[in-house]
Amino acid sequence: MKKIFSLLILLGLPACAALAQEDTAPAAATGPVETATSAVALEPAATATADPQPFAPPDGYIEKKAAIVKVDGFTVYVDAGAAEGVDENTPMLVYRLEPVRNLQGEVLDRVEETAGTLKVTEVRPRMSICRPTSIRVPFERGFFVKYYVSPQAVPDRSEGGRCPSGMLYDGGGPFAFKAGSMFTNIPPSDASSGETGPFCIDQYPVKTLSTWADARDSCAARGKRLCQVRELQKVCSTWEKPKFCPPEMEKTTGCPEPSTVVDFRSDLEWSYEAVAMDSGLLQDAFSCKCPGSDPVCVHCYYEGCRGAKKYYRCCTDPR
């Protein structure tokens, strides 16, 4: 009997074991089976992580903040672009502000909580288009990002002894811009680019409504001049200005601190050049404003236009 049992083991066990395995195996899956611990696939290049890790910037890099202003599926729009030093190699860490409450439910403070990371896929002058590389909580309009840029990517706007007190420096050179719909002072063929020499510009405008002649005389009395149209356009197009704060962020006092270097918003301001009519008479000076990020320069033709009053700032050549 022992010999027969041993023979059965030698001859039959492998087949029995195989049959037993086949009988007890689950039915073949028709697709990939996810487990509770598997990562959720967001897109080919994005993986959800439990805790996106902050990235350490290279030495000397400057931390900056911007807001997420639109989320469309896996496309995220951030209100910082080439003008703020962003390029397609700039990683961005996404944050939201989470309230800290006491036992009675009162908000004591708000703390930054990491929400994920972004990869920049397209850079525009004032905006970047990104894709998530990790998501801890779903991104929403009103979240903000931190990123780091090289000091060389941030223009030196300090006086540095080159400009009088209260003025900021621009090194000049070529620049590109998108003109506003009322733009009239540059031929259409040259309406998307310009160039200036180095100049100094008042950081803040004179908030006194003045005629063009009074503004001109006021600048001259201080050894300055009204800014040229090209100089105002360059400031409009390439300088960092106050960022729009989405209402969702404003409600939670979560708007990034403004990092503007010049107070140039949407008020019309006098510029140096005047408009020559067909008759050769000077009727009015151009004026410029920055609605959003596009420069708009206008002039008027009606009688008495030179009596109009607007804000102004002065420019001068560097020392």
Foldseek 3Di string as FASTA:
>chain_A
DVVVVVVCCVPPVVVVVVVVCVVPDDDDDPDDDDDPPDWDDLDPQATADQADDDDDDPPQWDKDKWFFADDDRQKTKTFAFLLNADDQAKKKWKWDWAFDADPVRDGPGTDIGTAFIWGFDDGDQGMTITGTRYGNDDDDGQIMIMIIHHPVSHDQQDLPQFDPPQKTKDQKAKDFAAADPQADDDPPVCRTMDTDHIKIWHQAWDPDWDFPVVVQVVQVVVVWGFAAPRVVQCCLARFAEFHDRPPVNVVVVNDDDGPGRGHAAAWWAFGHDFDQDPVRDTQGTWTWGRHPRHIYIHADDDPPRSRGIGITITMHGTD
